[in-house]
Amino acid sequence: MNVVAGSTIKMQPAPAKWYDRRDVVFVEFCVEDSRDVKVNFDKCKLDFSCVSGTDNVKHHNEVELFGEIDPKESKHKPITKTGNMIRMKICQGLTSSQR
């Protein structure tokens, strides 16, 4: 838990599941009732944050990637009320041993 200017802010990483395919990596952040979702893609990093629940728990995940992705082809979409799916397009030319 973080303390900022005398107030307590609950912050924790969001639980995540991931799987990959030949040219795409999927990451699912499992956060119920998420809002204020922010996703930023960088060639070698994924940054995810949101607020969840009635107690306003703040989630933040900064994921360093093993290989490069194409930020312009990478996407985010909410899936049901239980999570957010991230689809990251792997840059062409990476072999499976580099992923």
PDB file of N, CA and C in Angstrom:
ATOM      1  N   MET A   1       0.843  -1.179   0.000  1.00  0.00           N
ATOM      2  CA  MET A   1       0.000   0.000   0.000  1.00  0.00           C
ATOM      3  C   MET A   1       0.884   1.236   0.000  1.00  0.00           C
ATOM      4  N   ASN A   2       0.513   2.233  -0.728  1.00  0.00           N
ATOM      5  CA  ASN A   2       1.267   3.480  -0.805  1.00  0.00           C
ATOM      6  C   ASN A   2       0.578   4.558   0.008  1.00  0.00           C
ATOM      7  N   VAL A   3       1.381   5.408   0.647  1.00  0.00           N
ATOM      8  CA  VAL A   3       0.824   6.538   1.386  1.00  0.00           C
ATOM      9  C   VAL A   3       1.237   7.815   0.666  1.00  0.00           C
ATOM     10  N   VAL A   4       0.261   8.640   0.343  1.00  0.00           N
ATOM     11  CA  VAL A   4       0.521   9.895  -0.360  1.00  0.00           C
ATOM     12  C   VAL A   4      -0.146  11.024   0.403  1.00  0.00           C
ATOM     13  N   ALA A   5       0.641  11.986   0.859  1.00  0.00           N
ATOM     14  CA  ALA A   5       0.139  13.190   1.532  1.00  0.00           C
ATOM     15  C   ALA A   5      -0.903  12.869   2.595  1.00  0.00           C
ATOM     16  N   GLY A   6      -0.590  11.919   3.460  1.00  0.00           N
ATOM     17  CA  GLY A   6      -1.470  11.602   4.575  1.00  0.00           C
ATOM     18  C   GLY A   6      -2.633  10.685   4.251  1.00  0.00           C
ATOM     19  N   SER A   7      -2.849  10.343   2.989  1.00  0.00           N
ATOM     20  CA  SER A   7      -3.942   9.433   2.651  1.00  0.00           C
ATOM     21  C   SER A   7      -3.366   8.104   2.172  1.00  0.00           C
ATOM     22  N   THR A   8      -4.112   7.053   2.369  1.00  0.00           N
ATOM     23  CA  THR A   8      -3.675   5.732   1.964  1.00  0.00           C
ATOM     24  C   THR A   8      -4.294   5.387   0.615  1.00  0.00           C
ATOM     25  N   ILE A   9      -3.463   4.984  -0.324  1.00  0.00           N
ATOM     26  CA  ILE A   9      -3.934   4.577  -1.638  1.00  0.00           C
ATOM     27  C   ILE A   9      -3.645   3.090  -1.794  1.00  0.00           C
ATOM     28  N   LYS A  10      -4.688   2.307  -2.057  1.00  0.00           N
ATOM     29  CA  LYS A  10      -4.486   0.887  -2.296  1.00  0.00           C
ATOM     30  C   LYS A  10      -4.039   0.712  -3.741  1.00  0.00           C
ATOM     31  N   MET A  11      -2.840   0.145  -3.931  1.00  0.00           N
ATOM     32  CA  MET A  11      -2.353  -0.104  -5.282  1.00  0.00           C
ATOM     33  C   MET A  11      -1.719  -1.480  -5.315  1.00  0.00           C
ATOM     34  N   GLN A  12      -2.038  -2.223  -6.360  1.00  0.00           N
ATOM     35  CA  GLN A  12      -1.487  -3.563  -6.489  1.00  0.00           C
ATOM     36  C   GLN A  12      -1.441  -3.944  -7.961  1.00  0.00           C
ATOM     37  N   PRO A  13      -0.581  -4.915  -8.308  1.00  0.00           N
ATOM     38  CA  PRO A  13      -0.575  -5.384  -9.689  1.00  0.00           C
ATOM     39  C   PRO A  13      -1.861  -6.155  -9.988  1.00  0.00           C
ATOM     40  N   ALA A  14      -2.314  -6.078 -11.214  1.00  0.00           N
ATOM     41  CA  ALA A  14      -3.488  -6.845 -11.634  1.00  0.00           C
ATOM     42  C   ALA A  14      -3.050  -8.271 -11.952  1.00  0.00           C
ATOM     43  N   PRO A  15      -3.822  -9.277 -11.514  1.00  0.00           N
ATOM     44  CA  PRO A  15      -3.496 -10.653 -11.907  1.00  0.00           C
ATOM     45  C   PRO A  15      -3.576 -10.760 -13.431  1.00  0.00           C
ATOM     46  N   ALA A  16      -2.682 -11.546 -14.009  1.00  0.00           N
ATOM     47  CA  ALA A  16      -2.647 -11.634 -15.473  1.00  0.00           C
ATOM     48  C   ALA A  16      -2.435 -13.067 -15.936  1.00  0.00           C
ATOM     49  N   LYS A  17      -2.978 -13.357 -17.116  1.00  0.00           N
ATOM     50  CA  LYS A  17      -2.740 -14.619 -17.815  1.00  0.00           C
ATOM     51  C   LYS A  17      -2.242 -14.236 -19.205  1.00  0.00           C
ATOM     52  N   TRP A  18      -1.369 -15.045 -19.769  1.00  0.00           N
ATOM     53  CA  TRP A  18      -0.900 -14.741 -21.110  1.00  0.00           C
ATOM     54  C   TRP A  18      -0.724 -16.021 -21.904  1.00  0.00           C
ATOM     55  N   TYR A  19      -0.791 -15.867 -23.209  1.00  0.00           N
ATOM     56  CA  TYR A  19      -0.478 -16.960 -24.117  1.00  0.00           C
ATOM     57  C   TYR A  19      -0.029 -16.357 -25.439  1.00  0.00           C
ATOM     58  N   ASP A  20       0.755 -17.145 -26.166  1.00  0.00           N
ATOM     59  CA  ASP A  20       1.259 -16.602 -27.426  1.00  0.00           C
ATOM     60  C   ASP A  20       0.930 -17.515 -28.590  1.00  0.00           C
ATOM     61  N   ARG A  21       0.918 -16.922 -29.738  1.00  0.00           N
ATOM     62  CA  ARG A  21       0.747 -17.593 -31.010  1.00  0.00           C
ATOM     63  C   ARG A  21       1.952 -17.208 -31.861  1.00  0.00           C
ATOM     64  N   ARG A  22       1.974 -17.685 -33.064  1.00  0.00           N
ATOM     65  CA  ARG A  22       3.140 -17.456 -33.913  1.00  0.00           C
ATOM     66  C   ARG A  22       3.501 -15.983 -34.068  1.00  0.00           C
ATOM     67  N   ASP A  23       2.506 -15.137 -34.258  1.00  0.00           N
ATOM     68  CA  ASP A  23       2.816 -13.727 -34.500  1.00  0.00           C
ATOM     69  C   ASP A  23       2.103 -12.765 -33.553  1.00  0.00           C
ATOM     70  N   VAL A  24       1.479 -13.306 -32.502  1.00  0.00           N
ATOM     71  CA  VAL A  24       0.709 -12.472 -31.576  1.00  0.00           C
ATOM     72  C   VAL A  24       0.895 -12.988 -30.151  1.00  0.00           C
ATOM     73  N   VAL A  25       0.966 -12.067 -29.199  1.00  0.00           N
ATOM     74  CA  VAL A  25       0.956 -12.413 -27.774  1.00  0.00           C
ATOM     75  C   VAL A  25      -0.308 -11.808 -27.179  1.00  0.00           C
ATOM     76  N   PHE A  26      -1.047 -12.607 -26.397  1.00  0.00           N
ATOM     77  CA  PHE A  26      -2.251 -12.133 -25.724  1.00  0.00           C
ATOM     78  C   PHE A  26      -1.980 -12.061 -24.228  1.00  0.00           C
ATOM     79  N   VAL A  27      -2.390 -10.979 -23.595  1.00  0.00           N
ATOM     80  CA  VAL A  27      -2.308 -10.840 -22.142  1.00  0.00           C
ATOM     81  C   VAL A  27      -3.691 -10.458 -21.661  1.00  0.00           C
ATOM     82  N   GLU A  28      -4.188 -11.179 -20.662  1.00  0.00           N
ATOM     83  CA  GLU A  28      -5.481 -10.839 -20.069  1.00  0.00           C
ATOM     84  C   GLU A  28      -5.248 -10.387 -18.637  1.00  0.00           C
ATOM     85  N   PHE A  29      -5.606  -9.144 -18.341  1.00  0.00           N
ATOM     86  CA  PHE A  29      -5.544  -8.638 -16.977  1.00  0.00           C
ATOM     87  C   PHE A  29      -6.904  -8.891 -16.348  1.00  0.00           C
ATOM     88  N   CYS A  30      -6.930  -9.685 -15.289  1.00  0.00           N
ATOM     89  CA  CYS A  30      -8.174 -10.161 -14.683  1.00  0.00           C
ATOM     90  C   CYS A  30      -8.587  -9.238 -13.541  1.00  0.00           C
ATOM     91  N   VAL A  31      -9.321  -8.194 -13.888  1.00  0.00           N
ATOM     92  CA  VAL A  31      -9.764  -7.200 -12.917  1.00  0.00           C
ATOM     93  C   VAL A  31     -11.254  -6.982 -13.122  1.00  0.00           C
ATOM     94  N   GLU A  32     -12.050  -7.302 -12.111  1.00  0.00           N
ATOM     95  CA  GLU A  32     -13.498  -7.113 -12.217  1.00  0.00           C
ATOM     96  C   GLU A  32     -13.868  -5.646 -12.079  1.00  0.00           C
ATOM     97  N   ASP A  33     -14.905  -5.262 -12.802  1.00  0.00           N
ATOM     98  CA  ASP A  33     -15.452  -3.900 -12.725  1.00  0.00           C
ATOM     99  C   ASP A  33     -14.373  -2.831 -12.885  1.00  0.00           C
ATOM    100  N   SER A  34     -13.527  -2.999 -13.891  1.00  0.00           N
ATOM    101  CA  SER A  34     -12.447  -2.025 -14.089  1.00  0.00           C
ATOM    102  C   SER A  34     -12.964  -0.773 -14.797  1.00  0.00           C
ATOM    103  N   ARG A  35     -12.362   0.342 -14.462  1.00  0.00           N
ATOM    104  CA  ARG A  35     -12.675   1.620 -15.096  1.00  0.00           C
ATOM    105  C   ARG A  35     -11.385   2.445 -15.137  1.00  0.00           C
ATOM    106  N   ASP A  36     -11.435   3.538 -15.845  1.00  0.00           N
ATOM    107  CA  ASP A  36     -10.239   4.377 -16.036  1.00  0.00           C
ATOM    108  C   ASP A  36      -9.055   3.539 -16.535  1.00  0.00           C
ATOM    109  N   VAL A  37      -9.343   2.652 -17.479  1.00  0.00           N
ATOM    110  CA  VAL A  37      -8.311   1.756 -18.017  1.00  0.00           C
ATOM    111  C   VAL A  37      -7.388   2.542 -18.943  1.00  0.00           C
ATOM    112  N   LYS A  38      -6.091   2.370 -18.708  1.00  0.00           N
ATOM    113  CA  LYS A  38      -5.081   3.002 -19.555  1.00  0.00           C
ATOM    114  C   LYS A  38      -4.101   1.920 -19.991  1.00  0.00           C
ATOM    115  N   VAL A  39      -3.866   1.848 -21.293  1.00  0.00           N
ATOM    116  CA  VAL A  39      -2.917   0.887 -21.853  1.00  0.00           C
ATOM    117  C   VAL A  39      -1.984   1.643 -22.782  1.00  0.00           C
ATOM    118  N   ASN A  40      -0.695   1.493 -22.551  1.00  0.00           N
ATOM    119  CA  ASN A  40       0.313   2.116 -23.409  1.00  0.00           C
ATOM    120  C   ASN A  40       1.248   1.036 -23.926  1.00  0.00           C
ATOM    121  N   PHE A  41       1.464   1.053 -25.231  1.00  0.00           N
ATOM    122  CA  PHE A  41       2.358   0.096 -25.865  1.00  0.00           C
ATOM    123  C   PHE A  41       3.645   0.796 -26.260  1.00  0.00           C
ATOM    124  N   ASP A  42       4.755   0.159 -25.971  1.00  0.00           N
ATOM    125  CA  ASP A  42       6.062   0.595 -26.425  1.00  0.00           C
ATOM    126  C   ASP A  42       6.668  -0.619 -27.129  1.00  0.00           C
ATOM    127  N   LYS A  43       7.701  -0.441 -27.914  1.00  0.00           N
ATOM    128  CA  LYS A  43       8.272  -1.585 -28.634  1.00  0.00           C
ATOM    129  C   LYS A  43       8.681  -2.726 -27.708  1.00  0.00           C
ATOM    130  N   CYS A  44       9.141  -2.405 -26.513  1.00  0.00           N
ATOM    131  CA  CYS A  44       9.635  -3.437 -25.600  1.00  0.00           C
ATOM    132  C   CYS A  44       8.932  -3.424 -24.249  1.00  0.00           C
ATOM    133  N   LYS A  45       7.785  -2.728 -24.151  1.00  0.00           N
ATOM    134  CA  LYS A  45       7.125  -2.610 -22.852  1.00  0.00           C
ATOM    135  C   LYS A  45       5.624  -2.425 -23.026  1.00  0.00           C
ATOM    136  N   LEU A  46       4.874  -2.970 -22.065  1.00  0.00           N
ATOM    137  CA  LEU A  46       3.427  -2.780 -21.978  1.00  0.00           C
ATOM    138  C   LEU A  46       3.142  -2.166 -20.619  1.00  0.00           C
ATOM    139  N   ASP A  47       2.358  -1.102 -20.598  1.00  0.00           N
ATOM    140  CA  ASP A  47       1.992  -0.450 -19.346  1.00  0.00           C
ATOM    141  C   ASP A  47       0.469  -0.477 -19.228  1.00  0.00           C
ATOM    142  N   PHE A  48      -0.043  -1.078 -18.151  1.00  0.00           N
ATOM    143  CA  PHE A  48      -1.485  -1.225 -17.937  1.00  0.00           C
ATOM    144  C   PHE A  48      -1.835  -0.670 -16.567  1.00  0.00           C
ATOM    145  N   SER A  49      -2.918   0.114 -16.492  1.00  0.00           N
ATOM    146  CA  SER A  49      -3.413   0.570 -15.193  1.00  0.00           C
ATOM    147  C   SER A  49      -4.924   0.727 -15.262  1.00  0.00           C
ATOM    148  N   CYS A  50      -5.560   0.594 -14.100  1.00  0.00           N
ATOM    149  CA  CYS A  50      -7.009   0.781 -14.000  1.00  0.00           C
ATOM    150  C   CYS A  50      -7.384   0.926 -12.528  1.00  0.00           C
ATOM    151  N   VAL A  51      -8.650   1.236 -12.300  1.00  0.00           N
ATOM    152  CA  VAL A  51      -9.235   1.300 -10.959  1.00  0.00           C
ATOM    153  C   VAL A  51     -10.355   0.279 -10.947  1.00  0.00           C
ATOM    154  N   SER A  52     -10.536  -0.427  -9.811  1.00  0.00           N
ATOM    155  CA  SER A  52     -11.583  -1.449  -9.773  1.00  0.00           C
ATOM    156  C   SER A  52     -12.342  -1.445  -8.457  1.00  0.00           C
ATOM    157  N   GLY A  53     -13.562  -1.977  -8.536  1.00  0.00           N
ATOM    158  CA  GLY A  53     -14.382  -2.209  -7.354  1.00  0.00           C
ATOM    159  C   GLY A  53     -14.887  -0.951  -6.685  1.00  0.00           C
ATOM    160  N   THR A  54     -15.723  -1.175  -5.668  1.00  0.00           N
ATOM    161  CA  THR A  54     -16.284  -0.052  -4.918  1.00  0.00           C
ATOM    162  C   THR A  54     -15.265   0.561  -3.969  1.00  0.00           C
ATOM    163  N   ASP A  55     -14.197  -0.206  -3.663  1.00  0.00           N
ATOM    164  CA  ASP A  55     -13.156   0.326  -2.777  1.00  0.00           C
ATOM    165  C   ASP A  55     -12.040   1.032  -3.559  1.00  0.00           C
ATOM    166  N   ASN A  56     -12.233   1.195  -4.872  1.00  0.00           N
ATOM    167  CA  ASN A  56     -11.309   1.963  -5.720  1.00  0.00           C
ATOM    168  C   ASN A  56      -9.857   1.502  -5.645  1.00  0.00           C
ATOM    169  N   VAL A  57      -9.651   0.202  -5.781  1.00  0.00           N
ATOM    170  CA  VAL A  57      -8.293  -0.337  -5.784  1.00  0.00           C
ATOM    171  C   VAL A  57      -7.628   0.038  -7.104  1.00  0.00           C
ATOM    172  N   LYS A  58      -6.436   0.606  -7.018  1.00  0.00           N
ATOM    173  CA  LYS A  58      -5.690   0.983  -8.217  1.00  0.00           C
ATOM    174  C   LYS A  58      -4.747  -0.157  -8.583  1.00  0.00           C
ATOM    175  N   HIS A  59      -4.777  -0.519  -9.852  1.00  0.00           N
ATOM    176  CA  HIS A  59      -3.907  -1.580 -10.367  1.00  0.00           C
ATOM    177  C   HIS A  59      -2.922  -0.967 -11.347  1.00  0.00           C
ATOM    178  N   HIS A  60      -1.696  -1.467 -11.308  1.00  0.00           N
ATOM    179  CA  HIS A  60      -0.694  -1.016 -12.271  1.00  0.00           C
ATOM    180  C   HIS A  60       0.261  -2.165 -12.565  1.00  0.00           C
ATOM    181  N   ASN A  61       0.454  -2.436 -13.847  1.00  0.00           N
ATOM    182  CA  ASN A  61       1.415  -3.440 -14.295  1.00  0.00           C
ATOM    183  C   ASN A  61       2.290  -2.802 -15.369  1.00  0.00           C
ATOM    184  N   GLU A  62       3.582  -2.901 -15.178  1.00  0.00           N
ATOM    185  CA  GLU A  62       4.538  -2.491 -16.203  1.00  0.00           C
ATOM    186  C   GLU A  62       5.295  -3.752 -16.593  1.00  0.00           C
ATOM    187  N   VAL A  63       5.120  -4.188 -17.832  1.00  0.00           N
ATOM    188  CA  VAL A  63       5.663  -5.466 -18.281  1.00  0.00           C
ATOM    189  C   VAL A  63       6.765  -5.213 -19.309  1.00  0.00           C
ATOM    190  N   GLU A  64       7.984  -5.606 -18.951  1.00  0.00           N
ATOM    191  CA  GLU A  64       9.098  -5.542 -19.899  1.00  0.00           C
ATOM    192  C   GLU A  64       8.993  -6.767 -20.800  1.00  0.00           C
ATOM    193  N   LEU A  65       8.995  -6.562 -22.099  1.00  0.00           N
ATOM    194  CA  LEU A  65       8.827  -7.648 -23.056  1.00  0.00           C
ATOM    195  C   LEU A  65      10.176  -8.205 -23.488  1.00  0.00           C
ATOM    196  N   PHE A  66      10.208  -9.501 -23.761  1.00  0.00           N
ATOM    197  CA  PHE A  66      11.445 -10.168 -24.163  1.00  0.00           C
ATOM    198  C   PHE A  66      11.851  -9.786 -25.584  1.00  0.00           C
ATOM    199  N   GLY A  67      10.860  -9.607 -26.450  1.00  0.00           N
ATOM    200  CA  GLY A  67      11.108  -9.205 -27.838  1.00  0.00           C
ATOM    201  C   GLY A  67      10.330  -7.945 -28.147  1.00  0.00           C
ATOM    202  N   GLU A  68      10.435  -7.486 -29.377  1.00  0.00           N
ATOM    203  CA  GLU A  68       9.737  -6.263 -29.769  1.00  0.00           C
ATOM    204  C   GLU A  68       8.344  -6.557 -30.306  1.00  0.00           C
ATOM    205  N   ILE A  69       7.438  -5.608 -30.058  1.00  0.00           N
ATOM    206  CA  ILE A  69       6.097  -5.664 -30.626  1.00  0.00           C
ATOM    207  C   ILE A  69       5.912  -4.459 -31.543  1.00  0.00           C
ATOM    208  N   ASP A  70       4.845  -4.485 -32.308  1.00  0.00           N
ATOM    209  CA  ASP A  70       4.487  -3.345 -33.149  1.00  0.00           C
ATOM    210  C   ASP A  70       3.403  -2.561 -32.411  1.00  0.00           C
ATOM    211  N   PRO A  71       3.740  -1.445 -31.761  1.00  0.00           N
ATOM    212  CA  PRO A  71       2.751  -0.700 -30.980  1.00  0.00           C
ATOM    213  C   PRO A  71       1.537  -0.253 -31.792  1.00  0.00           C
ATOM    214  N   LYS A  72       1.733   0.062 -33.076  1.00  0.00           N
ATOM    215  CA  LYS A  72       0.616   0.527 -33.907  1.00  0.00           C
ATOM    216  C   LYS A  72      -0.379  -0.588 -34.217  1.00  0.00           C
ATOM    217  N   GLU A  73       0.077  -1.833 -34.243  1.00  0.00           N
ATOM    218  CA  GLU A  73      -0.794  -2.973 -34.537  1.00  0.00           C
ATOM    219  C   GLU A  73      -1.308  -3.656 -33.271  1.00  0.00           C
ATOM    220  N   SER A  74      -0.872  -3.207 -32.112  1.00  0.00           N
ATOM    221  CA  SER A  74      -1.295  -3.797 -30.841  1.00  0.00           C
ATOM    222  C   SER A  74      -2.581  -3.137 -30.377  1.00  0.00           C
ATOM    223  N   LYS A  75      -3.441  -3.920 -29.724  1.00  0.00           N
ATOM    224  CA  LYS A  75      -4.780  -3.435 -29.380  1.00  0.00           C
ATOM    225  C   LYS A  75      -5.175  -3.835 -27.961  1.00  0.00           C
ATOM    226  N   HIS A  76      -6.187  -3.137 -27.444  1.00  0.00           N
ATOM    227  CA  HIS A  76      -6.757  -3.427 -26.131  1.00  0.00           C
ATOM    228  C   HIS A  76      -8.266  -3.435 -26.260  1.00  0.00           C
ATOM    229  N   LYS A  77      -8.927  -4.370 -25.564  1.00  0.00           N
ATOM    230  CA  LYS A  77     -10.390  -4.315 -25.510  1.00  0.00           C
ATOM    231  C   LYS A  77     -10.874  -4.947 -24.215  1.00  0.00           C
ATOM    232  N   PRO A  78     -11.923  -4.368 -23.623  1.00  0.00           N
ATOM    233  CA  PRO A  78     -12.516  -4.972 -22.435  1.00  0.00           C
ATOM    234  C   PRO A  78     -13.223  -6.269 -22.827  1.00  0.00           C
ATOM    235  N   ILE A  79     -13.124  -7.284 -21.973  1.00  0.00           N
ATOM    236  CA  ILE A  79     -13.850  -8.533 -22.207  1.00  0.00           C
ATOM    237  C   ILE A  79     -14.720  -8.802 -20.992  1.00  0.00           C
ATOM    238  N   THR A  80     -15.976  -8.922 -21.190  1.00  0.00           N
ATOM    239  CA  THR A  80     -16.966  -9.080 -20.117  1.00  0.00           C
ATOM    240  C   THR A  80     -16.682  -8.096 -18.996  1.00  0.00           C
ATOM    241  N   LYS A  81     -17.141  -8.408 -17.791  1.00  0.00           N
ATOM    242  CA  LYS A  81     -16.869  -7.497 -16.672  1.00  0.00           C
ATOM    243  C   LYS A  81     -15.692  -7.970 -15.839  1.00  0.00           C
ATOM    244  N   THR A  82     -15.059  -9.077 -16.279  1.00  0.00           N
ATOM    245  CA  THR A  82     -13.999  -9.654 -15.457  1.00  0.00           C
ATOM    246  C   THR A  82     -12.588  -9.352 -15.921  1.00  0.00           C
ATOM    247  N   GLY A  83     -12.426  -8.634 -17.009  1.00  0.00           N
ATOM    248  CA  GLY A  83     -11.049  -8.386 -17.409  1.00  0.00           C
ATOM    249  C   GLY A  83     -10.889  -7.567 -18.663  1.00  0.00           C
ATOM    250  N   ASN A  84      -9.634  -7.385 -19.036  1.00  0.00           N
ATOM    251  CA  ASN A  84      -9.238  -6.627 -20.218  1.00  0.00           C
ATOM    252  C   ASN A  84      -8.248  -7.462 -21.009  1.00  0.00           C
ATOM    253  N   MET A  85      -8.489  -7.606 -22.306  1.00  0.00           N
ATOM    254  CA  MET A  85      -7.613  -8.398 -23.159  1.00  0.00           C
ATOM    255  C   MET A  85      -6.702  -7.465 -23.945  1.00  0.00           C
ATOM    256  N   ILE A  86      -5.426  -7.784 -23.927  1.00  0.00           N
ATOM    257  CA  ILE A  86      -4.421  -7.034 -24.662  1.00  0.00           C
ATOM    258  C   ILE A  86      -3.897  -7.945 -25.766  1.00  0.00           C
ATOM    259  N   ARG A  87      -3.865  -7.457 -26.988  1.00  0.00           N
ATOM    260  CA  ARG A  87      -3.321  -8.211 -28.119  1.00  0.00           C
ATOM    261  C   ARG A  87      -2.114  -7.443 -28.628  1.00  0.00           C
ATOM    262  N   MET A  88      -0.933  -8.067 -28.545  1.00  0.00           N
ATOM    263  CA  MET A  88       0.294  -7.407 -28.985  1.00  0.00           C
ATOM    264  C   MET A  88       0.818  -8.101 -30.230  1.00  0.00           C
ATOM    265  N   LYS A  89       0.989  -7.357 -31.279  1.00  0.00           N
ATOM    266  CA  LYS A  89       1.493  -7.880 -32.545  1.00  0.00           C
ATOM    267  C   LYS A  89       3.014  -7.940 -32.480  1.00  0.00           C
ATOM    268  N   ILE A  90       3.569  -9.141 -32.677  1.00  0.00           N
ATOM    269  CA  ILE A  90       5.015  -9.324 -32.645  1.00  0.00           C
ATOM    270  C   ILE A  90       5.615  -8.774 -33.932  1.00  0.00           C
ATOM    271  N   CYS A  91       6.725  -8.080 -33.808  1.00  0.00           N
ATOM    272  CA  CYS A  91       7.394  -7.532 -34.989  1.00  0.00           C
ATOM    273  C   CYS A  91       7.869  -8.665 -35.887  1.00  0.00           C
ATOM    274  N   GLN A  92       7.740  -8.477 -37.181  1.00  0.00           N
ATOM    275  CA  GLN A  92       8.192  -9.476 -38.147  1.00  0.00           C
ATOM    276  C   GLN A  92       9.692  -9.684 -38.003  1.00  0.00           C
ATOM    277  N   GLY A  93      10.112 -10.915 -38.248  1.00  0.00           N
ATOM    278  CA  GLY A  93      11.535 -11.210 -38.203  1.00  0.00           C
ATOM    279  C   GLY A  93      11.993 -11.827 -36.897  1.00  0.00           C
ATOM    280  N   LEU A  94      11.154 -11.817 -35.849  1.00  0.00           N
ATOM    281  CA  LEU A  94      11.540 -12.463 -34.604  1.00  0.00           C
ATOM    282  C   LEU A  94      11.270 -13.953 -34.714  1.00  0.00           C
ATOM    283  N   THR A  95      12.231 -14.756 -34.334  1.00  0.00           N
ATOM    284  CA  THR A  95      12.025 -16.200 -34.331  1.00  0.00           C
ATOM    285  C   THR A  95      11.414 -16.602 -33.005  1.00  0.00           C
ATOM    286  N   SER A  96      10.886 -17.819 -32.928  1.00  0.00           N
ATOM    287  CA  SER A  96      10.256 -18.271 -31.684  1.00  0.00           C
ATOM    288  C   SER A  96      11.254 -18.318 -30.537  1.00  0.00           C
ATOM    289  N   SER A  97      12.544 -18.538 -30.819  1.00  0.00           N
ATOM    290  CA  SER A  97      13.531 -18.558 -29.739  1.00  0.00           C
ATOM    291  C   SER A  97      13.806 -17.164 -29.192  1.00  0.00           C
ATOM    292  N   GLN A  98      13.456 -16.128 -29.951  1.00  0.00           N
ATOM    293  CA  GLN A  98      13.637 -14.755 -29.483  1.00  0.00           C
ATOM    294  C   GLN A  98      12.440 -14.265 -28.701  1.00  0.00           C
ATOM    295  N   ARG A  99      11.324 -15.019 -28.703  1.00  0.00           N
ATOM    296  CA  ARG A  99      10.120 -14.603 -27.983  1.00  0.00           C
ATOM    297  C   ARG A  99      10.116 -15.140 -26.601  1.00  0.00           C
TER     298      ARG A  99
END
